[in-house]
N, C-alpha and C. Protein backbone atom coordinates (compact mmCIF):
# COMPACT_ATOMS: atom_id res chain seq x y z
N UNK A 1 30.29 228.77 -4.86
CA UNK A 1 29.59 227.54 -5.12
C UNK A 1 28.08 227.73 -5.01
N UNK A 2 27.67 228.66 -4.16
CA UNK A 2 26.23 228.88 -3.99
C UNK A 2 25.58 229.38 -5.25
N UNK A 3 26.29 230.18 -6.02
CA UNK A 3 25.71 230.81 -7.21
C UNK A 3 25.97 230.04 -8.50
N UNK A 4 26.50 228.84 -8.41
CA UNK A 4 26.78 228.09 -9.63
C UNK A 4 25.49 227.70 -10.32
N UNK A 5 25.59 227.48 -11.62
CA UNK A 5 24.43 227.16 -12.44
C UNK A 5 23.87 225.77 -12.14
N UNK A 6 24.77 224.82 -11.88
CA UNK A 6 24.33 223.44 -11.64
C UNK A 6 25.29 222.74 -10.69
N UNK A 7 24.95 221.51 -10.33
CA UNK A 7 25.77 220.77 -9.37
C UNK A 7 27.15 220.45 -9.93
N UNK A 8 27.24 220.19 -11.23
CA UNK A 8 28.56 219.90 -11.83
C UNK A 8 29.51 221.08 -11.63
N UNK A 9 29.01 222.29 -11.84
CA UNK A 9 29.85 223.48 -11.63
C UNK A 9 30.29 223.59 -10.17
N UNK A 10 29.37 223.29 -9.25
CA UNK A 10 29.71 223.35 -7.82
C UNK A 10 30.76 222.30 -7.47
N UNK A 11 30.66 221.11 -8.05
CA UNK A 11 31.66 220.06 -7.79
C UNK A 11 33.02 220.49 -8.34
N UNK A 12 33.03 221.08 -9.54
CA UNK A 12 34.29 221.55 -10.13
C UNK A 12 34.96 222.56 -9.20
N UNK A 13 34.20 223.53 -8.71
CA UNK A 13 34.78 224.55 -7.83
C UNK A 13 35.33 223.91 -6.56
N UNK A 14 34.55 223.02 -5.97
CA UNK A 14 35.01 222.36 -4.74
C UNK A 14 36.30 221.58 -5.00
N UNK A 15 36.31 220.82 -6.08
CA UNK A 15 37.48 219.98 -6.35
C UNK A 15 38.72 220.79 -6.68
N UNK A 16 38.57 221.85 -7.40
CA UNK A 16 39.75 222.65 -7.74
C UNK A 16 40.26 223.42 -6.52
N UNK A 17 39.39 223.64 -5.55
CA UNK A 17 39.79 224.30 -4.31
C UNK A 17 40.58 223.38 -3.40
N UNK A 18 40.27 222.07 -3.44
CA UNK A 18 40.89 221.12 -2.52
C UNK A 18 41.87 220.16 -3.19
N UNK A 19 42.09 220.28 -4.49
CA UNK A 19 42.89 219.31 -5.23
C UNK A 19 44.31 219.17 -4.68
N UNK A 20 44.67 217.94 -4.35
CA UNK A 20 46.03 217.63 -3.93
C UNK A 20 46.90 217.26 -5.13
N UNK A 21 46.27 217.04 -6.28
CA UNK A 21 46.99 216.63 -7.48
C UNK A 21 47.57 217.85 -8.20
N UNK A 22 46.84 218.95 -8.23
CA UNK A 22 47.31 220.13 -8.95
C UNK A 22 48.32 220.93 -8.15
N UNK A 23 48.39 220.69 -6.85
CA UNK A 23 49.33 221.43 -6.02
C UNK A 23 48.79 222.80 -5.62
N UNK A 24 47.54 223.09 -5.96
CA UNK A 24 46.98 224.40 -5.64
C UNK A 24 45.91 224.37 -4.58
N UNK A 25 45.90 223.35 -3.75
CA UNK A 25 44.85 223.22 -2.73
C UNK A 25 44.87 224.42 -1.79
N UNK A 26 43.70 225.03 -1.64
CA UNK A 26 43.56 226.18 -0.76
C UNK A 26 42.98 225.79 0.59
N UNK A 27 42.29 224.66 0.61
CA UNK A 27 41.65 224.20 1.84
C UNK A 27 41.41 222.70 1.73
N UNK A 28 40.58 222.18 2.60
CA UNK A 28 40.25 220.75 2.59
C UNK A 28 38.75 220.57 2.46
N UNK A 29 38.34 219.37 2.10
CA UNK A 29 36.91 219.07 2.05
C UNK A 29 36.29 219.22 3.44
N UNK A 30 37.01 218.83 4.47
CA UNK A 30 36.50 218.96 5.85
C UNK A 30 36.21 220.43 6.18
N UNK A 31 37.12 221.31 5.78
CA UNK A 31 36.90 222.74 6.04
C UNK A 31 35.72 223.27 5.25
N UNK A 32 35.58 222.85 4.00
CA UNK A 32 34.42 223.28 3.21
C UNK A 32 33.12 222.80 3.86
N UNK A 33 33.13 221.57 4.34
CA UNK A 33 31.93 221.03 5.01
C UNK A 33 31.58 221.82 6.27
N UNK A 34 32.60 222.23 7.03
CA UNK A 34 32.35 223.04 8.23
C UNK A 34 31.66 224.35 7.88
N UNK A 35 32.13 224.99 6.83
CA UNK A 35 31.51 226.26 6.41
C UNK A 35 30.07 226.02 5.97
N UNK A 36 29.86 224.98 5.19
CA UNK A 36 28.51 224.68 4.70
C UNK A 36 27.59 224.32 5.87
N UNK A 37 28.08 223.55 6.82
CA UNK A 37 27.27 223.16 7.97
C UNK A 37 26.85 224.36 8.83
N UNK A 38 27.61 225.43 8.75
CA UNK A 38 27.28 226.63 9.52
C UNK A 38 26.16 227.45 8.87
N UNK A 39 25.78 227.11 7.65
CA UNK A 39 24.74 227.84 6.93
C UNK A 39 23.54 226.92 6.69
N UNK A 40 22.50 227.12 7.43
CA UNK A 40 21.34 226.24 7.35
C UNK A 40 20.34 226.67 6.29
N UNK A 41 20.05 227.93 6.20
CA UNK A 41 18.99 228.39 5.30
C UNK A 41 19.53 229.44 4.33
N UNK A 42 20.49 229.02 3.54
CA UNK A 42 21.10 229.89 2.54
C UNK A 42 20.73 229.39 1.16
N UNK A 43 20.36 230.31 0.28
CA UNK A 43 19.99 229.93 -1.08
C UNK A 43 21.15 229.20 -1.74
N UNK A 44 20.88 228.00 -2.28
CA UNK A 44 21.90 227.21 -2.96
C UNK A 44 22.64 226.23 -2.08
N UNK A 45 22.36 226.23 -0.77
CA UNK A 45 23.13 225.39 0.16
C UNK A 45 22.89 223.90 -0.07
N UNK A 46 21.69 223.53 -0.48
CA UNK A 46 21.40 222.11 -0.74
C UNK A 46 22.27 221.61 -1.89
N UNK A 47 22.38 222.42 -2.94
CA UNK A 47 23.22 222.05 -4.09
C UNK A 47 24.68 221.90 -3.65
N UNK A 48 25.14 222.80 -2.81
CA UNK A 48 26.52 222.75 -2.35
C UNK A 48 26.76 221.50 -1.50
N UNK A 49 25.81 221.17 -0.65
CA UNK A 49 25.95 219.94 0.16
C UNK A 49 26.06 218.71 -0.75
N UNK A 50 25.21 218.65 -1.75
CA UNK A 50 25.26 217.52 -2.69
C UNK A 50 26.58 217.49 -3.44
N UNK A 51 27.07 218.66 -3.80
CA UNK A 51 28.36 218.73 -4.50
C UNK A 51 29.49 218.21 -3.62
N UNK A 52 29.48 218.59 -2.35
CA UNK A 52 30.55 218.15 -1.46
C UNK A 52 30.50 216.65 -1.20
N UNK A 53 29.31 216.05 -1.26
CA UNK A 53 29.20 214.60 -1.11
C UNK A 53 29.91 213.88 -2.26
N UNK A 54 29.98 214.52 -3.42
CA UNK A 54 30.58 213.88 -4.60
C UNK A 54 31.99 214.37 -4.90
N UNK A 55 32.47 215.32 -4.14
CA UNK A 55 33.76 215.94 -4.43
C UNK A 55 34.93 215.06 -3.98
N UNK A 56 36.04 215.20 -4.70
CA UNK A 56 37.26 214.46 -4.42
C UNK A 56 38.45 215.42 -4.39
N UNK A 57 39.43 215.10 -3.59
CA UNK A 57 40.65 215.90 -3.55
C UNK A 57 41.66 215.45 -4.60
N UNK A 58 41.29 214.45 -5.42
CA UNK A 58 42.23 213.87 -6.38
C UNK A 58 42.06 214.36 -7.81
N UNK A 59 41.08 215.21 -8.08
CA UNK A 59 40.86 215.66 -9.45
C UNK A 59 41.99 216.58 -9.91
N UNK A 60 42.36 216.42 -11.17
CA UNK A 60 43.47 217.20 -11.70
C UNK A 60 43.08 218.38 -12.57
N UNK A 61 41.81 218.44 -12.99
CA UNK A 61 41.38 219.55 -13.84
C UNK A 61 39.86 219.65 -13.85
N UNK A 62 39.34 220.82 -14.19
CA UNK A 62 37.88 220.97 -14.28
C UNK A 62 37.25 220.02 -15.29
N UNK A 63 37.88 219.82 -16.44
CA UNK A 63 37.29 218.93 -17.45
C UNK A 63 37.34 217.47 -17.02
N UNK A 64 38.33 217.12 -16.25
CA UNK A 64 38.40 215.77 -15.70
C UNK A 64 37.21 215.54 -14.76
N UNK A 65 36.94 216.52 -13.91
CA UNK A 65 35.78 216.45 -13.01
C UNK A 65 34.50 216.36 -13.82
N UNK A 66 34.36 217.21 -14.82
CA UNK A 66 33.15 217.20 -15.64
C UNK A 66 32.96 215.85 -16.35
N UNK A 67 34.06 215.25 -16.80
CA UNK A 67 33.96 213.95 -17.47
C UNK A 67 33.48 212.89 -16.48
N UNK A 68 34.00 212.89 -15.27
CA UNK A 68 33.57 211.91 -14.27
C UNK A 68 32.08 212.09 -13.94
N UNK A 69 31.66 213.32 -13.72
CA UNK A 69 30.25 213.60 -13.40
C UNK A 69 29.37 213.18 -14.57
N UNK A 70 29.81 213.47 -15.78
CA UNK A 70 29.04 213.09 -16.97
C UNK A 70 28.94 211.57 -17.07
N UNK A 71 30.06 210.87 -16.86
CA UNK A 71 30.06 209.41 -16.94
C UNK A 71 29.11 208.82 -15.90
N UNK A 72 29.08 209.40 -14.72
CA UNK A 72 28.19 208.91 -13.66
C UNK A 72 26.73 209.23 -13.97
N UNK A 73 26.45 210.49 -14.27
CA UNK A 73 25.07 210.94 -14.39
C UNK A 73 24.42 210.60 -15.73
N UNK A 74 25.18 210.67 -16.80
CA UNK A 74 24.60 210.47 -18.14
C UNK A 74 24.82 209.06 -18.67
N UNK A 75 26.03 208.52 -18.46
CA UNK A 75 26.32 207.18 -18.99
C UNK A 75 26.05 206.09 -17.97
N UNK A 76 25.82 206.48 -16.71
CA UNK A 76 25.49 205.50 -15.68
C UNK A 76 26.65 204.62 -15.25
N UNK A 77 27.87 205.14 -15.34
CA UNK A 77 29.07 204.36 -14.96
C UNK A 77 29.64 204.94 -13.67
N UNK A 78 29.62 204.16 -12.62
CA UNK A 78 30.08 204.61 -11.30
C UNK A 78 31.36 203.89 -10.90
N UNK A 79 31.86 204.26 -9.73
CA UNK A 79 33.00 203.55 -9.14
C UNK A 79 34.36 204.02 -9.61
N UNK A 80 34.45 205.27 -10.01
CA UNK A 80 35.70 205.78 -10.57
C UNK A 80 36.77 206.00 -9.52
N UNK A 81 37.99 205.59 -9.86
CA UNK A 81 39.18 205.98 -9.12
C UNK A 81 39.79 207.13 -9.90
N UNK A 82 40.24 208.14 -9.19
CA UNK A 82 40.66 209.39 -9.83
C UNK A 82 42.16 209.58 -9.71
N UNK A 83 42.80 209.87 -10.85
CA UNK A 83 44.25 210.07 -10.90
C UNK A 83 44.97 208.98 -10.12
N UNK A 84 44.77 207.78 -10.59
CA UNK A 84 45.28 206.60 -9.90
C UNK A 84 46.46 206.01 -10.67
N UNK A 85 47.55 205.71 -9.97
CA UNK A 85 48.69 205.08 -10.65
C UNK A 85 48.37 203.62 -10.98
N UNK A 86 48.73 203.22 -12.19
CA UNK A 86 48.50 201.86 -12.65
C UNK A 86 49.86 201.25 -13.01
N UNK A 87 50.07 200.02 -12.54
CA UNK A 87 51.36 199.35 -12.71
C UNK A 87 51.20 198.05 -13.48
N UNK A 88 52.29 197.58 -14.06
CA UNK A 88 52.27 196.25 -14.67
C UNK A 88 52.69 195.23 -13.60
N UNK A 89 52.61 193.95 -13.91
CA UNK A 89 52.96 192.93 -12.90
C UNK A 89 54.43 192.95 -12.46
N UNK A 90 55.26 193.67 -13.20
CA UNK A 90 56.67 193.74 -12.87
C UNK A 90 57.03 195.02 -12.12
N UNK A 91 56.00 195.70 -11.60
CA UNK A 91 56.13 196.91 -10.78
C UNK A 91 56.56 198.15 -11.56
N UNK A 92 56.36 198.14 -12.89
CA UNK A 92 56.64 199.32 -13.69
C UNK A 92 55.38 200.18 -13.75
N UNK A 93 55.55 201.48 -13.65
CA UNK A 93 54.42 202.40 -13.76
C UNK A 93 53.97 202.48 -15.22
N UNK A 94 52.72 202.09 -15.48
CA UNK A 94 52.17 202.24 -16.83
C UNK A 94 51.75 203.69 -17.07
N UNK A 95 51.23 204.32 -16.04
CA UNK A 95 50.80 205.71 -16.14
C UNK A 95 49.80 206.03 -15.06
N UNK A 96 49.43 207.30 -15.01
CA UNK A 96 48.40 207.77 -14.09
C UNK A 96 47.12 207.89 -14.91
N UNK A 97 46.13 207.10 -14.55
CA UNK A 97 44.84 207.15 -15.27
C UNK A 97 44.01 208.30 -14.70
N UNK A 98 43.52 209.17 -15.58
CA UNK A 98 42.65 210.25 -15.10
C UNK A 98 41.49 209.65 -14.32
N UNK A 99 40.80 208.71 -14.94
CA UNK A 99 39.66 208.03 -14.32
C UNK A 99 39.75 206.55 -14.66
N UNK A 100 39.61 205.71 -13.67
CA UNK A 100 39.67 204.26 -13.89
C UNK A 100 38.49 203.61 -13.19
N UNK A 101 37.75 202.82 -13.91
CA UNK A 101 36.69 201.99 -13.34
C UNK A 101 37.32 200.61 -13.17
N UNK A 102 37.73 200.25 -11.96
CA UNK A 102 38.57 199.07 -11.76
C UNK A 102 37.89 197.73 -12.02
N UNK A 103 36.59 197.67 -11.93
CA UNK A 103 35.91 196.39 -12.18
C UNK A 103 36.09 195.93 -13.62
N UNK A 104 36.02 196.87 -14.56
CA UNK A 104 36.10 196.52 -15.97
C UNK A 104 37.44 196.86 -16.61
N UNK A 105 38.18 197.77 -16.02
CA UNK A 105 39.42 198.22 -16.64
C UNK A 105 39.20 199.32 -17.66
N UNK A 106 38.12 200.07 -17.52
CA UNK A 106 37.87 201.22 -18.41
C UNK A 106 38.60 202.43 -17.86
N UNK A 107 39.39 203.06 -18.73
CA UNK A 107 40.10 204.29 -18.40
C UNK A 107 39.49 205.42 -19.23
N UNK A 108 39.15 206.51 -18.56
CA UNK A 108 38.72 207.71 -19.26
C UNK A 108 39.81 208.76 -19.11
N UNK A 109 40.21 209.33 -20.22
CA UNK A 109 41.23 210.38 -20.23
C UNK A 109 40.58 211.67 -20.70
N UNK A 110 40.76 212.72 -19.93
CA UNK A 110 40.22 214.02 -20.26
C UNK A 110 41.31 214.86 -20.91
N UNK A 111 41.06 215.28 -22.13
CA UNK A 111 42.07 216.02 -22.89
C UNK A 111 41.74 217.50 -22.95
N UNK A 112 42.50 218.29 -22.22
CA UNK A 112 42.39 219.74 -22.31
C UNK A 112 43.14 220.23 -23.54
N UNK A 113 43.13 221.53 -23.74
CA UNK A 113 43.75 222.12 -24.93
C UNK A 113 45.23 221.76 -25.07
N UNK A 114 45.93 221.65 -23.96
CA UNK A 114 47.36 221.35 -24.01
C UNK A 114 47.68 219.94 -24.46
N UNK A 115 46.69 219.08 -24.52
CA UNK A 115 46.94 217.68 -24.89
C UNK A 115 47.21 217.49 -26.38
N UNK A 116 47.04 218.51 -27.17
CA UNK A 116 47.35 218.40 -28.59
C UNK A 116 48.67 219.07 -28.95
N UNK A 117 49.34 219.61 -27.95
CA UNK A 117 50.69 220.11 -28.18
C UNK A 117 51.58 218.89 -28.43
N UNK A 118 52.56 219.04 -29.26
CA UNK A 118 53.33 217.92 -29.76
C UNK A 118 53.88 217.00 -28.67
N UNK A 119 54.58 217.55 -27.69
CA UNK A 119 55.20 216.71 -26.66
C UNK A 119 54.13 216.02 -25.80
N UNK A 120 53.11 216.76 -25.40
CA UNK A 120 52.05 216.18 -24.57
C UNK A 120 51.29 215.10 -25.33
N UNK A 121 51.02 215.35 -26.61
CA UNK A 121 50.31 214.38 -27.44
C UNK A 121 51.11 213.08 -27.54
N UNK A 122 52.41 213.21 -27.69
CA UNK A 122 53.29 212.04 -27.76
C UNK A 122 53.25 211.26 -26.44
N UNK A 123 53.33 211.97 -25.32
CA UNK A 123 53.26 211.31 -24.00
C UNK A 123 51.92 210.61 -23.81
N UNK A 124 50.83 211.27 -24.23
CA UNK A 124 49.49 210.68 -24.10
C UNK A 124 49.39 209.40 -24.93
N UNK A 125 49.92 209.44 -26.14
CA UNK A 125 49.88 208.25 -27.01
C UNK A 125 50.64 207.09 -26.38
N UNK A 126 51.82 207.38 -25.83
CA UNK A 126 52.64 206.33 -25.21
C UNK A 126 51.92 205.71 -24.01
N UNK A 127 51.34 206.57 -23.16
CA UNK A 127 50.62 206.07 -21.98
C UNK A 127 49.41 205.24 -22.40
N UNK A 128 48.66 205.72 -23.40
CA UNK A 128 47.49 205.00 -23.88
C UNK A 128 47.88 203.62 -24.42
N UNK A 129 48.98 203.55 -25.16
CA UNK A 129 49.45 202.26 -25.68
C UNK A 129 49.82 201.31 -24.54
N UNK A 130 50.49 201.82 -23.52
CA UNK A 130 50.85 200.99 -22.37
C UNK A 130 49.59 200.46 -21.68
N UNK A 131 48.61 201.33 -21.49
CA UNK A 131 47.36 200.91 -20.87
C UNK A 131 46.69 199.81 -21.70
N UNK A 132 46.54 200.06 -22.98
CA UNK A 132 45.82 199.10 -23.84
C UNK A 132 46.58 197.79 -23.99
N UNK A 133 47.90 197.84 -24.06
CA UNK A 133 48.69 196.62 -24.15
C UNK A 133 48.62 195.79 -22.86
N UNK A 134 48.18 196.42 -21.78
CA UNK A 134 48.05 195.73 -20.50
C UNK A 134 46.62 195.28 -20.22
N UNK A 135 45.74 195.46 -21.19
CA UNK A 135 44.37 194.97 -21.04
C UNK A 135 43.35 196.00 -20.64
N UNK A 136 43.74 197.25 -20.50
CA UNK A 136 42.79 198.31 -20.19
C UNK A 136 42.15 198.82 -21.48
N UNK A 137 40.96 199.36 -21.37
CA UNK A 137 40.28 199.99 -22.50
C UNK A 137 40.27 201.49 -22.23
N UNK A 138 40.73 202.28 -23.19
CA UNK A 138 40.87 203.72 -23.01
C UNK A 138 39.89 204.46 -23.91
N UNK A 139 39.21 205.45 -23.32
CA UNK A 139 38.36 206.36 -24.08
C UNK A 139 38.76 207.78 -23.71
N UNK A 140 38.91 208.62 -24.72
CA UNK A 140 39.35 209.99 -24.49
C UNK A 140 38.20 210.95 -24.77
N UNK A 141 38.17 212.07 -24.03
CA UNK A 141 37.16 213.09 -24.26
C UNK A 141 37.77 214.47 -24.06
N UNK A 142 37.34 215.41 -24.89
CA UNK A 142 37.79 216.79 -24.78
C UNK A 142 36.57 217.68 -24.51
N UNK A 143 36.82 218.95 -24.35
CA UNK A 143 35.72 219.89 -24.12
C UNK A 143 34.72 219.86 -25.27
N UNK A 144 35.20 219.67 -26.49
CA UNK A 144 34.31 219.61 -27.66
C UNK A 144 33.33 218.45 -27.53
N UNK A 145 33.79 217.32 -27.00
CA UNK A 145 32.92 216.16 -26.83
C UNK A 145 31.74 216.46 -25.91
N UNK A 146 31.96 217.32 -24.93
CA UNK A 146 30.89 217.67 -23.99
C UNK A 146 29.80 218.51 -24.65
N UNK A 147 30.09 219.08 -25.80
CA UNK A 147 29.07 219.85 -26.55
C UNK A 147 28.08 218.93 -27.26
N UNK A 148 28.42 217.64 -27.33
CA UNK A 148 27.57 216.65 -28.01
C UNK A 148 27.26 215.54 -27.00
N UNK A 149 26.42 215.84 -26.01
CA UNK A 149 26.21 214.90 -24.91
C UNK A 149 25.67 213.54 -25.34
N UNK A 150 24.78 213.49 -26.29
CA UNK A 150 24.23 212.20 -26.71
C UNK A 150 25.34 211.32 -27.30
N UNK A 151 26.14 211.92 -28.15
CA UNK A 151 27.23 211.17 -28.77
C UNK A 151 28.27 210.73 -27.73
N UNK A 152 28.59 211.62 -26.78
CA UNK A 152 29.55 211.26 -25.73
C UNK A 152 29.00 210.15 -24.85
N UNK A 153 27.72 210.21 -24.52
CA UNK A 153 27.10 209.13 -23.73
C UNK A 153 27.23 207.80 -24.46
N UNK A 154 26.94 207.80 -25.74
CA UNK A 154 27.04 206.56 -26.53
C UNK A 154 28.47 206.04 -26.55
N UNK A 155 29.44 206.93 -26.72
CA UNK A 155 30.84 206.51 -26.76
C UNK A 155 31.27 205.91 -25.42
N UNK A 156 30.89 206.56 -24.31
CA UNK A 156 31.29 206.06 -22.99
C UNK A 156 30.64 204.72 -22.69
N UNK A 157 29.37 204.59 -23.03
CA UNK A 157 28.68 203.31 -22.81
C UNK A 157 29.29 202.20 -23.67
N UNK A 158 29.64 202.53 -24.90
CA UNK A 158 30.26 201.54 -25.79
C UNK A 158 31.63 201.12 -25.25
N UNK A 159 32.41 202.08 -24.77
CA UNK A 159 33.72 201.76 -24.20
C UNK A 159 33.56 200.90 -22.95
N UNK A 160 32.55 201.21 -22.15
CA UNK A 160 32.31 200.43 -20.93
C UNK A 160 31.91 198.99 -21.29
N UNK A 161 31.07 198.84 -22.29
CA UNK A 161 30.68 197.51 -22.75
C UNK A 161 31.89 196.75 -23.27
N UNK A 162 32.73 197.41 -24.05
CA UNK A 162 33.95 196.78 -24.57
C UNK A 162 34.83 196.32 -23.41
N UNK A 163 34.97 197.18 -22.40
CA UNK A 163 35.81 196.82 -21.25
C UNK A 163 35.23 195.64 -20.49
N UNK A 164 33.90 195.58 -20.38
CA UNK A 164 33.26 194.47 -19.64
C UNK A 164 33.46 193.13 -20.34
N UNK A 165 33.46 193.14 -21.66
CA UNK A 165 33.58 191.88 -22.39
C UNK A 165 35.00 191.63 -22.89
N UNK A 166 35.91 192.48 -22.49
CA UNK A 166 37.30 192.38 -22.91
C UNK A 166 37.87 191.02 -22.49
N UNK A 167 38.28 190.25 -23.47
CA UNK A 167 38.79 188.90 -23.23
C UNK A 167 40.29 188.88 -22.94
N UNK A 168 40.94 190.04 -23.12
CA UNK A 168 42.39 190.05 -22.91
C UNK A 168 42.73 189.82 -21.44
N UNK A 169 43.94 189.36 -21.22
CA UNK A 169 44.40 189.15 -19.86
C UNK A 169 44.57 190.49 -19.16
N UNK A 170 44.35 190.46 -17.88
CA UNK A 170 44.56 191.65 -17.06
C UNK A 170 46.02 191.70 -16.65
N UNK A 171 46.78 192.52 -17.34
CA UNK A 171 48.20 192.65 -17.08
C UNK A 171 48.51 193.98 -16.40
N UNK A 172 47.63 194.38 -15.50
CA UNK A 172 47.80 195.63 -14.77
C UNK A 172 47.33 195.43 -13.33
N UNK A 173 47.83 196.29 -12.48
CA UNK A 173 47.47 196.22 -11.07
C UNK A 173 47.47 197.62 -10.46
N UNK A 174 46.74 197.76 -9.39
CA UNK A 174 46.75 199.01 -8.62
C UNK A 174 47.63 198.87 -7.38
N UNK A 175 48.18 197.67 -7.19
CA UNK A 175 49.08 197.45 -6.06
C UNK A 175 50.33 198.28 -6.25
N UNK A 176 50.62 199.13 -5.28
CA UNK A 176 51.75 200.05 -5.40
C UNK A 176 53.03 199.39 -4.90
N UNK A 177 54.05 199.33 -5.76
CA UNK A 177 55.32 198.74 -5.32
C UNK A 177 56.01 199.62 -4.28
N UNK A 178 56.95 199.05 -3.57
CA UNK A 178 57.65 199.79 -2.51
C UNK A 178 58.27 201.08 -3.01
N UNK A 179 58.88 201.04 -4.20
CA UNK A 179 59.57 202.23 -4.70
C UNK A 179 58.62 203.41 -4.90
N UNK A 180 57.34 203.13 -5.15
CA UNK A 180 56.36 204.19 -5.41
C UNK A 180 56.22 205.14 -4.21
N UNK A 181 56.35 204.61 -3.02
CA UNK A 181 56.11 205.39 -1.80
C UNK A 181 57.22 206.40 -1.50
N UNK A 182 58.34 206.28 -2.20
CA UNK A 182 59.45 207.22 -1.98
C UNK A 182 59.84 207.98 -3.25
N UNK A 183 59.23 207.64 -4.37
CA UNK A 183 59.57 208.28 -5.64
C UNK A 183 58.94 209.67 -5.68
N UNK A 184 59.77 210.69 -5.69
CA UNK A 184 59.29 212.07 -5.56
C UNK A 184 58.28 212.49 -6.64
N UNK A 185 58.48 212.18 -7.94
CA UNK A 185 57.48 212.60 -8.93
C UNK A 185 56.08 212.01 -8.68
N UNK A 186 55.99 210.92 -7.94
CA UNK A 186 54.68 210.32 -7.69
C UNK A 186 54.00 210.84 -6.43
N UNK A 187 54.66 211.73 -5.72
CA UNK A 187 54.15 212.19 -4.42
C UNK A 187 52.72 212.71 -4.50
N UNK A 188 52.42 213.51 -5.49
CA UNK A 188 51.07 214.12 -5.55
C UNK A 188 49.98 213.13 -5.89
N UNK A 189 50.34 211.94 -6.38
CA UNK A 189 49.34 210.95 -6.75
C UNK A 189 49.17 209.87 -5.69
N UNK A 190 49.98 209.90 -4.64
CA UNK A 190 49.86 208.88 -3.61
C UNK A 190 48.55 209.04 -2.86
N UNK A 191 48.02 207.94 -2.41
CA UNK A 191 46.78 207.98 -1.62
C UNK A 191 47.05 208.80 -0.37
N UNK A 192 46.17 209.75 -0.14
CA UNK A 192 46.37 210.67 1.00
C UNK A 192 45.23 210.58 1.96
């Protein structure tokens, strides 16, 4: 993390090291902070401290982290919930939102290379339809989108504006039904 090019890279490394969603967590944010606190005058330590302040154990992929950092820093949209289960009023799981801004109902989905494989693409389409039919606004971004930062900023701001003025009823909730707490496939997404 000390030698990373920028803070976004440092956040990605931290999050992928501690992610509880991917199942590959090697350590915890608390342990990373202990190591950083033990180094007072090390080149790059300020960047690492800032990265750890923004790091989450809920990120599921490097591009998901990059999308959140981009949305915060470039599009000015804060308050993201990461890999959060979203339910309908009847306690059915609509899906796991990569990033959700709960005030407006904006969902950002980060699409890695595997998201265009036939089965994954079909699953993504179904989840997106469930989200949108429940009053959420969905915007998707891939690695290619990050190569065009001005255009991506405009798209995210436009989606955020659409979500803010969305007149549709809010037919979604973050309230977790009782069954969610014992359902094994949801274990990695439970609040920890």
